[in-house]
Protein backbone atom coordinates (compact mmCIF):
# COMPACT_ATOMS: atom_id res chain seq x y z
CA UNK A 1 5.62 6.53 -6.77
CA UNK A 2 6.71 8.89 -4.00
CA UNK A 3 3.82 9.77 -1.66
CA UNK A 4 6.16 11.11 1.04
CA UNK A 5 5.38 12.49 4.48
CA UNK A 6 4.99 11.35 8.08
CA UNK A 7 1.71 9.98 9.36
CA UNK A 8 0.53 9.83 12.97
CA UNK A 9 -2.71 8.63 14.55
CA UNK A 10 -4.11 12.15 14.66
CA UNK A 11 -3.72 12.50 10.87
CA UNK A 12 -6.18 9.74 10.03
CA UNK A 13 -9.79 10.15 9.02
CA UNK A 14 -10.76 7.68 11.74
CA UNK A 15 -9.09 5.39 14.25
CA UNK A 16 -10.62 2.21 12.87
CA UNK A 17 -12.52 0.81 9.93
CA UNK A 18 -13.11 -2.29 7.85
CA UNK A 19 -12.33 -2.55 4.14
CA UNK A 20 -13.58 -5.22 1.74
CA UNK A 21 -11.88 -6.28 -1.50
CA UNK A 22 -13.14 -9.02 -3.84
CA UNK A 23 -11.31 -11.86 -5.49
CA UNK A 24 -11.38 -12.04 -9.25
CA UNK A 25 -11.86 -14.38 -12.20
CA UNK A 26 -10.55 -13.82 -15.71
CA UNK A 27 -13.31 -14.19 -18.22
CA UNK A 28 -10.42 -14.49 -20.66
CA UNK A 29 -6.78 -13.40 -20.83
CA UNK A 30 -4.34 -15.60 -18.91
CA UNK A 31 -0.56 -15.05 -18.63
CA UNK A 32 -0.88 -11.94 -20.79
CA UNK A 33 -0.42 -9.29 -18.11
CA UNK A 34 3.34 -9.65 -17.62
CA UNK A 35 3.67 -9.73 -21.41
CA UNK A 36 2.09 -6.25 -21.66
CA UNK A 37 -0.97 -7.72 -23.37
CA UNK A 38 -4.71 -7.66 -22.72
CA UNK A 39 -7.04 -9.33 -20.22
CA UNK A 40 -10.73 -9.21 -19.38
CA UNK A 41 -11.26 -10.10 -15.70
CA UNK A 42 -14.17 -9.38 -13.37
CA UNK A 43 -14.43 -9.19 -9.60
CA UNK A 44 -16.40 -11.95 -7.87
CA UNK A 45 -18.69 -11.89 -4.85
CA UNK A 46 -16.16 -13.51 -2.52
CA UNK A 47 -13.86 -11.18 -0.67
CA UNK A 48 -11.26 -10.37 1.97
CA UNK A 49 -12.19 -8.11 4.87
CA UNK A 50 -9.52 -6.27 6.85
CA UNK A 51 -10.22 -4.25 9.98
CA UNK A 52 -7.56 -1.60 10.53
CA UNK A 53 -6.91 0.06 13.90
CA UNK A 54 -4.16 2.65 14.27
CA UNK A 55 -1.46 2.33 16.90
CA UNK A 56 1.14 4.89 17.95
CA UNK A 57 4.16 2.62 18.56
CA UNK A 58 5.09 1.46 15.00
CA UNK A 59 4.22 -2.10 15.98
CA UNK A 60 1.96 -4.28 13.83
CA UNK A 61 -0.20 -7.11 15.13
CA UNK A 62 -1.95 -9.34 12.60
CA UNK A 63 -4.76 -11.82 13.15
CA UNK A 64 -6.58 -14.00 10.62
CA UNK A 65 -9.84 -15.90 11.05
CA UNK A 66 -8.26 -18.61 8.88
CA UNK A 67 -5.05 -18.92 10.95
CA UNK A 68 -4.45 -19.84 14.59
CA UNK A 69 -1.36 -17.73 15.28
CA UNK A 70 -1.07 -13.99 15.84
CA UNK A 71 1.86 -12.34 14.06
CA UNK A 72 3.66 -9.37 15.61
CA UNK A 73 6.26 -7.27 13.80
CA UNK A 74 7.99 -3.90 14.08
CA UNK A 75 7.77 -1.63 11.05
CA UNK A 76 11.47 -0.80 11.39
CA UNK A 77 12.41 -4.48 11.06
CA UNK A 78 10.51 -5.33 7.84
CA UNK A 79 12.73 -6.65 5.05
CA UNK A 80 11.98 -8.60 1.83
CA UNK A 81 12.25 -12.29 2.59
CA UNK A 82 12.20 -11.65 6.33
CA UNK A 83 8.62 -12.80 6.94
CA UNK A 84 7.11 -16.22 6.19
CA UNK A 85 3.49 -17.34 6.09
CA UNK A 86 0.31 -15.43 5.34
CA UNK A 87 1.36 -12.28 7.25
CA UNK A 88 4.02 -11.44 4.65
CA UNK A 89 1.20 -10.08 2.47
CA UNK A 90 -0.21 -7.41 4.83
CA UNK A 91 3.25 -6.62 6.17
CA UNK A 92 4.51 -6.31 2.60
CA UNK A 93 2.01 -3.53 1.95
CA UNK A 94 3.31 -1.59 4.95
CA UNK A 95 6.90 -2.15 3.84
CA UNK A 96 6.06 -0.89 0.32
CA UNK A 97 4.46 2.26 1.71
CA UNK A 98 7.42 2.97 3.97
CA UNK A 99 9.86 2.30 1.13
CA UNK A 100 7.95 4.90 -0.92
CA UNK A 101 8.49 7.50 1.80
CA UNK A 102 5.44 7.18 4.05
CA UNK A 103 6.23 6.87 7.76
CA UNK A 104 3.42 4.86 9.33
CA UNK A 105 2.23 4.76 12.95
CA UNK A 106 1.61 1.02 13.55
CA UNK A 107 -1.55 -1.07 13.23
CA UNK A 108 -3.72 -3.84 14.51
CA UNK A 109 -5.01 -5.79 11.50
CA UNK A 110 -7.83 -8.36 11.66
CA UNK A 111 -8.30 -10.42 8.48
CA UNK A 112 -11.17 -12.62 7.33
CA UNK A 113 -11.62 -14.01 3.82
CA UNK A 114 -14.08 -16.05 1.77
CA UNK A 115 -11.73 -16.25 -1.25
CA UNK A 116 -10.26 -19.77 -1.50
CA UNK A 117 -6.48 -19.70 -1.12
CA UNK A 118 -4.42 -21.10 -4.00
CA UNK A 119 -7.43 -21.49 -6.26
CA UNK A 120 -6.49 -18.88 -8.87
CA UNK A 121 -9.11 -16.41 -7.58
CA UNK A 122 -6.64 -13.76 -6.36
CA UNK A 123 -6.87 -14.33 -2.63
CA UNK A 124 -3.48 -12.67 -2.18
CA UNK A 125 -4.40 -9.58 -4.22
CA UNK A 126 -7.65 -9.20 -2.27
CA UNK A 127 -5.74 -9.27 1.02
CA UNK A 128 -3.05 -6.87 -0.19
CA UNK A 129 -5.58 -4.42 -1.57
CA UNK A 130 -7.79 -4.49 1.55
CA UNK A 131 -4.79 -3.63 3.72
CA UNK A 132 -3.63 -0.92 1.32
CA UNK A 133 -7.07 0.67 1.03
CA UNK A 134 -7.59 0.52 4.79
CA UNK A 135 -4.23 2.02 5.69
CA UNK A 136 -4.59 4.69 3.00
CA UNK A 137 -7.91 5.94 4.35
CA UNK A 138 -7.24 5.40 8.05
CA UNK A 139 -4.03 7.44 7.80
CA UNK A 140 -5.46 10.08 5.49
CA UNK A 141 -2.92 9.41 2.72
CA UNK A 142 -5.32 9.87 -0.22
CA UNK A 143 -2.88 8.15 -2.57
CA UNK A 144 -5.46 7.19 -5.18
CA UNK A 145 -6.22 3.73 -6.51
CA UNK A 146 -3.64 3.70 -9.28
CA UNK A 147 -0.89 4.37 -6.74
CA UNK A 148 -2.29 1.68 -4.44
CA UNK A 149 -2.09 -0.76 -7.35
CA UNK A 150 1.65 -0.03 -7.50
CA UNK A 151 2.01 -0.38 -3.72
CA UNK A 152 0.38 -3.81 -3.81
CA UNK A 153 2.43 -4.89 -6.81
CA UNK A 154 5.64 -3.89 -5.05
CA UNK A 155 4.54 -5.76 -1.94
CA UNK A 156 3.89 -9.00 -3.82
CA UNK A 157 6.78 -8.94 -6.27
CA UNK A 158 9.54 -7.58 -4.02
CA UNK A 159 8.58 -8.24 -0.40
CA UNK A 160 6.79 -11.57 -0.93
CA UNK A 161 8.95 -12.44 -3.93
CA UNK A 162 6.35 -13.64 -6.45
CA UNK A 163 6.91 -12.31 -10.01
CA UNK A 164 3.27 -11.54 -10.78
CA UNK A 165 1.90 -8.98 -13.21
CA UNK A 166 -0.54 -6.22 -12.30
CA UNK A 167 -3.76 -7.89 -13.42
CA UNK A 168 -5.07 -8.85 -10.00
CA UNK A 169 -4.32 -5.51 -8.36
CA UNK A 170 -5.86 -3.48 -11.16
CA UNK A 171 -9.16 -5.35 -11.26
CA UNK A 172 -9.78 -5.61 -7.51
CA UNK A 173 -9.39 -1.84 -7.20
CA UNK A 174 -11.23 -0.79 -10.37
CA UNK A 175 -13.96 -3.40 -10.96
CA UNK A 176 -17.58 -2.31 -11.42
CA UNK A 177 -20.61 -4.46 -10.61
CA UNK A 178 -22.05 -6.20 -13.66
CA UNK A 179 -18.95 -5.46 -15.76
CA UNK A 180 -15.70 -6.98 -16.85
CA UNK A 181 -12.60 -4.79 -16.97
CA UNK A 182 -10.71 -4.77 -20.25
CA UNK A 183 -7.11 -3.98 -19.33
CA UNK A 184 -4.30 -2.92 -21.64
CA UNK A 185 -1.15 -3.71 -19.66
CA UNK A 186 1.15 -1.61 -21.81
CA UNK A 187 -0.71 1.65 -21.21
CA UNK A 188 -2.49 0.43 -18.03
CA UNK A 189 -5.68 1.85 -19.52
CA UNK A 190 -8.99 0.18 -18.66
CA UNK A 191 -12.45 -0.05 -20.17
CA UNK A 192 -15.62 -1.23 -18.44
CA UNK A 193 -17.33 -3.96 -20.51
CA UNK A 194 -20.92 -4.96 -19.57
CA UNK A 195 -21.18 -8.72 -18.99
CA UNK A 196 -24.49 -9.71 -20.48
CA UNK A 197 -23.77 -13.42 -20.03
CA UNK A 198 -24.51 -16.06 -17.44
CA UNK A 199 -24.95 -17.91 -15.25
CA UNK A 200 -21.32 -17.64 -14.19
CA UNK A 201 -20.14 -20.66 -12.20
CA UNK A 202 -16.75 -21.34 -10.62
CA UNK A 203 -15.53 -24.90 -10.13
CA UNK A 204 -12.73 -25.22 -7.57
CA UNK A 205 -10.91 -28.48 -8.37
CA UNK A 206 -9.27 -28.60 -4.90
CA UNK A 207 -5.90 -29.00 -6.66
CA UNK A 208 -3.72 -26.35 -5.05
CA UNK A 209 -0.87 -24.36 -6.47
CA UNK A 210 1.36 -21.55 -5.24
CA UNK A 211 2.75 -18.81 -7.46
CA UNK A 212 6.02 -18.91 -5.53
CA UNK A 213 6.74 -22.59 -6.30
CA UNK A 214 8.84 -21.75 -9.38
CA UNK A 215 6.57 -22.89 -12.22
CA UNK A 216 5.06 -19.43 -12.68
CA UNK A 217 8.52 -17.85 -12.80
CA UNK A 218 9.65 -20.39 -15.39
CA UNK A 219 6.75 -19.51 -17.69
CA UNK A 220 7.54 -15.82 -17.33
CA UNK A 221 11.20 -16.42 -18.12
CA UNK A 222 10.23 -18.44 -21.19
CA UNK A 223 8.07 -15.57 -22.44
CA UNK A 224 10.95 -13.14 -21.94
CA UNK A 225 13.27 -15.48 -23.83
CA UNK A 226 10.79 -15.75 -26.71
CA UNK A 227 10.47 -11.95 -26.90
CA UNK A 228 14.26 -11.60 -26.93
CA UNK A 229 14.56 -14.18 -29.72
CA UNK A 230 12.04 -12.19 -31.76
CA UNK A 231 13.76 -8.87 -31.04
CA UNK A 232 10.69 -7.28 -29.39
CA UNK A 233 10.43 -5.76 -25.90
CA UNK A 234 7.55 -8.03 -24.90
CA UNK A 235 5.33 -10.59 -26.61
CA UNK A 236 2.67 -7.86 -26.89
CA UNK A 237 4.61 -6.73 -29.97
CA UNK A 238 5.09 -10.18 -31.52
CA UNK A 239 3.16 -11.12 -34.64
CA UNK A 240 1.71 -14.55 -35.33
CA UNK A 241 3.79 -14.79 -38.51
CA UNK A 242 7.05 -14.05 -36.69
CA UNK A 243 6.22 -16.47 -33.88
CA UNK A 244 5.50 -19.31 -36.28
CA UNK A 245 8.40 -18.59 -38.62
CA UNK A 246 11.20 -17.80 -36.15
CA UNK A 247 10.53 -19.86 -33.03
CA UNK A 248 10.31 -23.56 -32.32
CA UNK A 249 9.79 -25.93 -29.40
CA UNK A 250 8.83 -24.53 -26.02
CA UNK A 251 9.34 -20.88 -26.97
CA UNK A 252 7.07 -21.27 -29.98
CA UNK A 253 4.30 -22.72 -27.85
CA UNK A 254 4.59 -20.10 -25.12
CA UNK A 255 4.62 -17.19 -27.57
CA UNK A 256 1.80 -18.67 -29.63
CA UNK A 257 -0.40 -18.80 -26.54
CA UNK A 258 0.27 -15.18 -25.62
CA UNK A 259 -0.27 -13.77 -29.13
CA UNK A 260 -3.45 -15.74 -29.77
CA UNK A 261 -4.79 -15.04 -26.28
CA UNK A 262 -4.41 -11.31 -26.81
CA UNK A 263 -6.46 -11.62 -29.99
CA UNK A 264 -9.12 -13.64 -28.16
CA UNK A 265 -9.40 -11.04 -25.41
CA UNK A 266 -10.04 -8.21 -27.83
CA UNK A 267 -12.50 -10.28 -29.85
CA UNK A 268 -14.35 -11.28 -26.66
CA UNK A 269 -14.75 -7.64 -25.66
CA UNK A 270 -16.03 -6.79 -29.13
CA UNK A 271 -18.55 -9.64 -29.14
CA UNK A 272 -19.82 -8.79 -25.66
CA UNK A 273 -20.48 -5.27 -26.84
CA UNK A 274 -22.38 -6.62 -29.86
CA UNK A 275 -24.31 -9.23 -27.88
CA UNK A 276 -22.63 -12.12 -29.73
CA UNK A 277 -21.66 -15.57 -28.47
CA UNK A 278 -18.17 -16.08 -27.00
CA UNK A 279 -18.21 -19.84 -26.33
CA UNK A 280 -15.64 -20.72 -29.01
CA UNK A 281 -13.21 -18.12 -27.66
CA UNK A 282 -13.39 -19.46 -24.11
CA UNK A 283 -12.87 -23.05 -25.21
CA UNK A 284 -9.99 -22.02 -27.48
CA UNK A 285 -8.38 -20.19 -24.56
CA UNK A 286 -8.48 -23.34 -22.45
CA UNK A 287 -6.96 -25.47 -25.22
CA UNK A 288 -4.17 -22.94 -25.65
CA UNK A 289 -3.41 -22.91 -21.92
CA UNK A 290 -3.47 -26.71 -21.89
CA UNK A 291 -1.43 -27.41 -25.01
CA UNK A 292 0.77 -24.37 -25.67
CA UNK A 293 1.31 -22.90 -22.20
CA UNK A 294 1.05 -26.26 -20.43
CA UNK A 295 -0.48 -24.99 -17.19
CA UNK A 296 -3.66 -27.05 -16.99
CA UNK A 297 -4.15 -30.32 -15.11
CA UNK A 298 -6.41 -33.39 -15.54
CA UNK A 299 -9.03 -32.05 -13.14
CA UNK A 300 -9.34 -28.72 -14.97
CA UNK A 301 -9.54 -30.50 -18.31
CA UNK A 302 -12.28 -32.74 -16.92
CA UNK A 303 -14.36 -29.76 -15.77
CA UNK A 304 -14.15 -28.15 -19.19
CA UNK A 305 -15.02 -31.43 -20.88
CA UNK A 306 -18.07 -32.00 -18.68
CA UNK A 307 -19.22 -28.40 -19.17
CA UNK A 308 -18.92 -28.72 -22.96
CA UNK A 309 -20.88 -31.99 -22.94
CA UNK A 310 -23.66 -30.30 -20.94
CA UNK A 311 -23.92 -27.47 -23.49
CA UNK A 312 -22.12 -24.70 -21.62
CA UNK A 313 -21.65 -21.39 -23.44
CA UNK A 314 -17.94 -21.58 -22.76
CA UNK A 315 -15.57 -22.94 -20.12
CA UNK A 316 -11.89 -22.54 -19.34
CA UNK A 317 -9.32 -22.81 -16.59
CA UNK A 318 -8.63 -19.52 -14.81
CA UNK A 319 -5.66 -18.18 -12.87
CA UNK A 320 -2.02 -19.12 -13.14
CA UNK A 321 -2.79 -22.80 -13.61
CA UNK A 322 -1.40 -26.10 -12.31
CA UNK A 323 -4.68 -26.50 -10.41
CA UNK A 324 -7.21 -24.11 -8.99
CA UNK A 325 -10.47 -23.22 -10.70
CA UNK A 326 -12.36 -23.28 -13.95
CA UNK A 327 -15.05 -20.82 -15.06
CA UNK A 328 -18.19 -22.14 -16.75
CA UNK A 329 -20.68 -19.88 -18.54
CA UNK A 330 -24.32 -20.71 -19.23
CA UNK A 331 -25.05 -23.62 -16.87
CA UNK A 332 -26.81 -23.65 -13.51
CA UNK A 333 -24.55 -24.51 -10.59
CA UNK A 334 -26.60 -27.46 -9.31
CA UNK A 335 -26.60 -29.36 -12.60
CA UNK A 336 -22.91 -28.70 -13.16
CA UNK A 337 -22.04 -29.69 -9.59
CA UNK A 338 -23.72 -33.09 -9.93
CA UNK A 339 -22.02 -33.89 -13.24
CA UNK A 340 -18.55 -32.73 -12.24
CA UNK A 341 -18.75 -34.50 -8.89
CA UNK A 342 -19.56 -37.76 -10.67
CA UNK A 343 -16.66 -37.29 -13.06
CA UNK A 344 -14.23 -36.61 -10.21
CA UNK A 345 -15.47 -39.61 -8.23
CA UNK A 346 -14.83 -41.86 -11.23
CA UNK A 347 -11.14 -40.90 -10.99
CA UNK A 348 -10.99 -41.02 -7.16
CA UNK A 349 -10.20 -37.30 -7.12
CA UNK A 350 -11.10 -35.07 -4.18
CA UNK A 351 -14.60 -33.65 -4.66
CA UNK A 352 -14.77 -30.19 -6.24
CA UNK A 353 -16.48 -27.10 -4.85
CA UNK A 354 -18.95 -25.50 -7.27
CA UNK A 355 -20.52 -22.10 -6.72
CA UNK A 356 -22.35 -19.48 -8.72
CA UNK A 357 -20.84 -16.02 -8.78
CA UNK A 358 -21.49 -12.60 -10.30
CA UNK A 359 -19.50 -9.62 -11.44
CA UNK A 360 -19.06 -7.43 -8.36
CA UNK A 361 -17.65 -4.05 -7.39
CA UNK A 362 -14.04 -3.47 -6.36
CA UNK A 363 -12.51 -2.29 -3.10
CA UNK A 364 -14.79 -0.47 -0.66
CA UNK A 365 -15.12 0.49 2.98
CA UNK A 366 -17.86 -1.51 4.72
CA UNK A 367 -17.64 -0.28 8.35
């Protein structure tokens, strides 16, 4: 990625604008992206909005409706690890662009978001992508969405320091309303898959996690160790026979999740195209994440159990795990909310948030 060139206020297509980027939910395909596997996410109807105003002094001022403190930084001073708090995400995008050869003018950035933070719904990717899309258009860069995916990935992995894959960035830029996005992370090819299922309901357990707390990095390192033990570049190339015959303990469980999850993703896409039921695949995905990848928690397991008892057409935890959200297919939100709230109260857990969602479009300019 080498966009190159200097940008000044006069080069933009407009001095100000607002860009909206959705969060996302994986219908299926968790912890497969950094293993070069497959995933089938869709964008949801909760989003981050970023208003971008150009400045001429290479200063950046950031505000968030969810935070009380303004953050001010100079573009020339941005360094990985040099910013803490929420502002490291928008500032990371600007750093990534400058590192790629774009000289930027400075910005005022106003942020507002309806994507719950730390819930596994890609609040960080939505924020990164909204800033990237806004700066790209406001400055007349015309980098294209595939390049902006790379910009956002660099911002999160290098500047913020979280070793994520590209799943979130790809889907929030390329999602289409009413569709899931089948992603092949080896080729980075995508295919739009109509989602003829529903209702789609998200249950936020209120158990919070952070991808930079170390647990995510440990899982990624374990997958890399399993691939090395099998003599393959990534677990995308591992076979079920090799995994079961040549690995044991933790590495066996981690690799078994990835290889079986890849198979479930492809079978889910096939069944959706044929109008067939996918409930068994979603439940199997949750069991694999719970037992083999060990990233679930009691609250997520309880949601899936309640949903199954109510006759849901599938349910599973979504996101990186250790808390966050579950996705339930085929139940109305009100009935699910009442049952899950009762189950949580019986354990003295914090009450969950339950909301219906739909497959929405990706990044767009709204003002």
